[in-house]
Amino acid sequence: MDNGADMKAKIFHNPRCSKSRKTLELLLEREIETEIVEYLKTPPDVETLKNITQMLDLRPIDLVRKGEKLYQDLDIGKYENDADALLKVMTENPILIERPIVIANNKAIIGRPPELILNII
C-alpha cells in the first residue's frame, strides 16, 4: 500500500504519553484518516471496552495498566476473574486502560511499542 488515504483508524490516545504520541505520528505519517479519542476525557463505555478486548483477544485484566497507583489503591487484582466488574471500573477510571489502542481494518492492537500498529494498517 502506497499510503493510507483510503484507510481509517481510531486511536484511544493520551497526549501526555510518549508512546501514544508516537503511535499517532505513525498513523498520520501514513496519511491514515484517524479518529482520535482522548479516552481520559471521553472514556469508552463498557460495551466498547468489551469489543476492544475481544478484538485484541485479551481478558479485561490484560488491558489494565498495573503500574498505575490506582491499580493498587482500588485493589484491581480482585476483579481479575470478574470481567463485567473490571470493565465497569475501567470506564470509571480510564487512566487504568492500557494505551494507545488502535483499531483499523476490523482489528485492534496496543501500540507498545508504537511500531506494532504497522501489523494492522
C-alpha atoms as a PDB file:
ATOM      1  CA  MET A   1       0.000   0.000   0.000  1.00  0.00           C
ATOM      2  CA  ASP A   2       1.452   3.351  -1.024  1.00  0.00           C
ATOM      3  CA  ASN A   3      -0.358   5.366   1.573  1.00  0.00           C
ATOM      4  CA  GLY A   4      -3.288   5.069   3.893  1.00  0.00           C
ATOM      5  CA  ALA A   5      -5.504   7.639   2.204  1.00  0.00           C
ATOM      6  CA  ASP A   6      -8.379   5.162   1.934  1.00  0.00           C
ATOM      7  CA  MET A   7      -7.841   3.641   5.353  1.00  0.00           C
ATOM      8  CA  LYS A   8      -9.468   4.748   8.558  1.00  0.00           C
ATOM      9  CA  ALA A   9      -8.246   4.159  12.059  1.00  0.00           C
ATOM     10  CA  LYS A  10      -9.292   5.018  15.573  1.00  0.00           C
ATOM     11  CA  ILE A  11      -6.789   5.636  18.328  1.00  0.00           C
ATOM     12  CA  PHE A  12      -7.546   5.702  22.024  1.00  0.00           C
ATOM     13  CA  HIS A  13      -4.997   8.357  22.798  1.00  0.00           C
ATOM     14  CA  ASN A  14      -3.401  10.069  25.763  1.00  0.00           C
ATOM     15  CA  PRO A  15      -1.478  13.115  24.500  1.00  0.00           C
ATOM     16  CA  ARG A  16       0.705  13.093  27.632  1.00  0.00           C
ATOM     17  CA  CYS A  17       2.022   9.603  26.783  1.00  0.00           C
ATOM     18  CA  SER A  18       5.082   9.447  24.515  1.00  0.00           C
ATOM     19  CA  LYS A  19       4.116   6.004  23.148  1.00  0.00           C
ATOM     20  CA  SER A  20       0.657   7.291  22.321  1.00  0.00           C
ATOM     21  CA  ARG A  21       2.070  10.388  20.599  1.00  0.00           C
ATOM     22  CA  LYS A  22       4.496   8.268  18.565  1.00  0.00           C
ATOM     23  CA  THR A  23       1.702   5.879  17.561  1.00  0.00           C
ATOM     24  CA  LEU A  24      -0.460   8.767  16.386  1.00  0.00           C
ATOM     25  CA  GLU A  25       2.502  10.163  14.482  1.00  0.00           C
ATOM     26  CA  LEU A  26       2.928   6.831  12.646  1.00  0.00           C
ATOM     27  CA  LEU A  27      -0.727   6.908  11.594  1.00  0.00           C
ATOM     28  CA  LEU A  28      -0.575  10.500  10.408  1.00  0.00           C
ATOM     29  CA  GLU A  29       2.730   9.999   8.556  1.00  0.00           C
ATOM     30  CA  ARG A  30       0.973   7.316   6.533  1.00  0.00           C
ATOM     31  CA  GLU A  31      -1.910   9.700   5.799  1.00  0.00           C
ATOM     32  CA  ILE A  32      -4.391   7.416   7.502  1.00  0.00           C
ATOM     33  CA  GLU A  33      -7.637   9.147   8.368  1.00  0.00           C
ATOM     34  CA  THR A  34      -7.569   8.879  12.135  1.00  0.00           C
ATOM     35  CA  GLU A  35     -10.299   9.398  14.682  1.00  0.00           C
ATOM     36  CA  ILE A  36      -8.603  10.486  17.887  1.00  0.00           C
ATOM     37  CA  VAL A  37     -10.370   9.549  21.108  1.00  0.00           C
ATOM     38  CA  GLU A  38      -8.801  11.176  24.132  1.00  0.00           C
ATOM     39  CA  TYR A  39     -10.075   8.418  26.369  1.00  0.00           C
ATOM     40  CA  LEU A  40      -9.247  10.234  29.613  1.00  0.00           C
ATOM     41  CA  LYS A  41     -11.684  12.980  28.584  1.00  0.00           C
ATOM     42  CA  THR A  42     -14.153  10.687  26.815  1.00  0.00           C
ATOM     43  CA  PRO A  43     -13.864   7.215  28.354  1.00  0.00           C
ATOM     44  CA  PRO A  44     -15.141   4.268  26.349  1.00  0.00           C
ATOM     45  CA  ASP A  45     -18.268   2.630  27.696  1.00  0.00           C
ATOM     46  CA  VAL A  46     -18.372  -0.967  28.916  1.00  0.00           C
ATOM     47  CA  GLU A  47     -19.601  -2.305  25.574  1.00  0.00           C
ATOM     48  CA  THR A  48     -16.796  -0.556  23.675  1.00  0.00           C
ATOM     49  CA  LEU A  49     -14.191  -1.923  26.078  1.00  0.00           C
ATOM     50  CA  LYS A  50     -15.699  -5.395  25.780  1.00  0.00           C
ATOM     51  CA  ASN A  51     -15.459  -5.172  21.979  1.00  0.00           C
ATOM     52  CA  ILE A  52     -11.859  -3.976  22.199  1.00  0.00           C
ATOM     53  CA  THR A  53     -10.832  -6.838  24.468  1.00  0.00           C
ATOM     54  CA  GLN A  54     -12.456  -9.284  22.049  1.00  0.00           C
ATOM     55  CA  MET A  55     -10.658  -7.705  19.083  1.00  0.00           C
ATOM     56  CA  LEU A  56      -7.378  -7.892  20.990  1.00  0.00           C
ATOM     57  CA  ASP A  57      -8.156 -11.435  22.133  1.00  0.00           C
ATOM     58  CA  LEU A  58      -7.326 -10.382  25.687  1.00  0.00           C
ATOM     59  CA  ARG A  59      -9.053 -10.697  29.006  1.00  0.00           C
ATOM     60  CA  PRO A  60     -10.030  -7.324  30.505  1.00  0.00           C
ATOM     61  CA  ILE A  61      -7.333  -7.681  33.194  1.00  0.00           C
ATOM     62  CA  ASP A  62      -4.741  -7.806  30.391  1.00  0.00           C
ATOM     63  CA  LEU A  63      -5.832  -4.335  29.269  1.00  0.00           C
ATOM     64  CA  VAL A  64      -5.216  -2.790  32.690  1.00  0.00           C
ATOM     65  CA  ARG A  65      -2.151  -0.668  33.439  1.00  0.00           C
ATOM     66  CA  LYS A  66      -0.929  -2.494  36.500  1.00  0.00           C
ATOM     67  CA  GLY A  67       1.762   0.107  37.214  1.00  0.00           C
ATOM     68  CA  GLU A  68      -0.798   2.822  37.944  1.00  0.00           C
ATOM     69  CA  LYS A  69      -1.094   3.777  41.603  1.00  0.00           C
ATOM     70  CA  LEU A  70      -4.866   3.480  41.230  1.00  0.00           C
ATOM     71  CA  TYR A  71      -4.424  -0.221  40.402  1.00  0.00           C
ATOM     72  CA  GLN A  72      -3.107  -0.761  43.921  1.00  0.00           C
ATOM     73  CA  ASP A  73      -5.442   1.753  45.566  1.00  0.00           C
ATOM     74  CA  LEU A  74      -8.549   0.068  44.147  1.00  0.00           C
ATOM     75  CA  ASP A  75      -7.156  -3.456  44.584  1.00  0.00           C
ATOM     76  CA  ILE A  76      -7.954  -4.136  40.925  1.00  0.00           C
ATOM     77  CA  GLY A  77      -6.452  -7.618  41.093  1.00  0.00           C
ATOM     78  CA  LYS A  78      -9.559  -8.800  42.929  1.00  0.00           C
ATOM     79  CA  TYR A  79     -11.540  -8.275  39.708  1.00  0.00           C
ATOM     80  CA  GLU A  80      -9.256 -10.455  37.589  1.00  0.00           C
ATOM     81  CA  ASN A  81     -11.928 -13.107  37.048  1.00  0.00           C
ATOM     82  CA  ASP A  82     -14.925 -10.750  37.006  1.00  0.00           C
ATOM     83  CA  ALA A  83     -14.832  -9.219  33.535  1.00  0.00           C
ATOM     84  CA  ASP A  84     -18.016  -7.162  33.923  1.00  0.00           C
ATOM     85  CA  ALA A  85     -16.900  -5.577  37.201  1.00  0.00           C
ATOM     86  CA  LEU A  86     -13.441  -4.889  35.802  1.00  0.00           C
ATOM     87  CA  LEU A  87     -14.790  -3.276  32.639  1.00  0.00           C
ATOM     88  CA  LYS A  88     -17.009  -1.035  34.762  1.00  0.00           C
ATOM     89  CA  VAL A  89     -14.061   0.015  36.950  1.00  0.00           C
ATOM     90  CA  MET A  90     -12.035   0.776  33.814  1.00  0.00           C
ATOM     91  CA  THR A  91     -14.755   3.034  32.369  1.00  0.00           C
ATOM     92  CA  GLU A  92     -14.968   4.867  35.690  1.00  0.00           C
ATOM     93  CA  ASN A  93     -11.149   5.149  35.925  1.00  0.00           C
ATOM     94  CA  PRO A  94      -9.896   5.346  32.325  1.00  0.00           C
ATOM     95  CA  ILE A  95      -6.306   6.016  33.463  1.00  0.00           C
ATOM     96  CA  LEU A  96      -6.238   2.252  34.091  1.00  0.00           C
ATOM     97  CA  ILE A  97      -6.725   1.433  30.391  1.00  0.00           C
ATOM     98  CA  GLU A  98      -3.571   0.438  28.540  1.00  0.00           C
ATOM     99  CA  ARG A  99      -2.611   2.838  25.792  1.00  0.00           C
ATOM    100  CA  PRO A 100      -2.535   3.513  22.970  1.00  0.00           C
ATOM    101  CA  ILE A 101      -5.094   1.246  21.358  1.00  0.00           C
ATOM    102  CA  VAL A 102      -5.524   1.453  17.607  1.00  0.00           C
ATOM    103  CA  ILE A 103      -8.416  -0.037  15.685  1.00  0.00           C
ATOM    104  CA  ALA A 104      -8.108  -0.416  11.912  1.00  0.00           C
ATOM    105  CA  ASN A 105      -9.205  -2.999   9.354  1.00  0.00           C
ATOM    106  CA  ASN A 106     -11.545  -4.577  11.935  1.00  0.00           C
ATOM    107  CA  LYS A 107      -8.540  -5.359  14.112  1.00  0.00           C
ATOM    108  CA  ALA A 108      -7.157  -3.822  17.265  1.00  0.00           C
ATOM    109  CA  ILE A 109      -3.663  -3.604  18.678  1.00  0.00           C
ATOM    110  CA  ILE A 110      -1.912  -1.937  21.582  1.00  0.00           C
ATOM    111  CA  GLY A 111       0.834   0.353  20.333  1.00  0.00           C
ATOM    112  CA  ARG A 112       3.551  -0.820  22.702  1.00  0.00           C
ATOM    113  CA  PRO A 113       5.910  -0.405  21.021  1.00  0.00           C
ATOM    114  CA  PRO A 114       4.235   2.016  18.596  1.00  0.00           C
ATOM    115  CA  GLU A 115       5.547   0.132  15.551  1.00  0.00           C
ATOM    116  CA  LEU A 116       3.246  -2.793  16.382  1.00  0.00           C
ATOM    117  CA  ILE A 117       0.397  -0.899  14.768  1.00  0.00           C
ATOM    118  CA  LEU A 118       2.065  -1.418  11.393  1.00  0.00           C
ATOM    119  CA  ASN A 119       0.811  -5.013  11.640  1.00  0.00           C
ATOM    120  CA  ILE A 120      -2.799  -3.919  11.179  1.00  0.00           C
ATOM    121  CA  ILE A 121      -2.576  -0.900   8.872  1.00  0.00           C
END
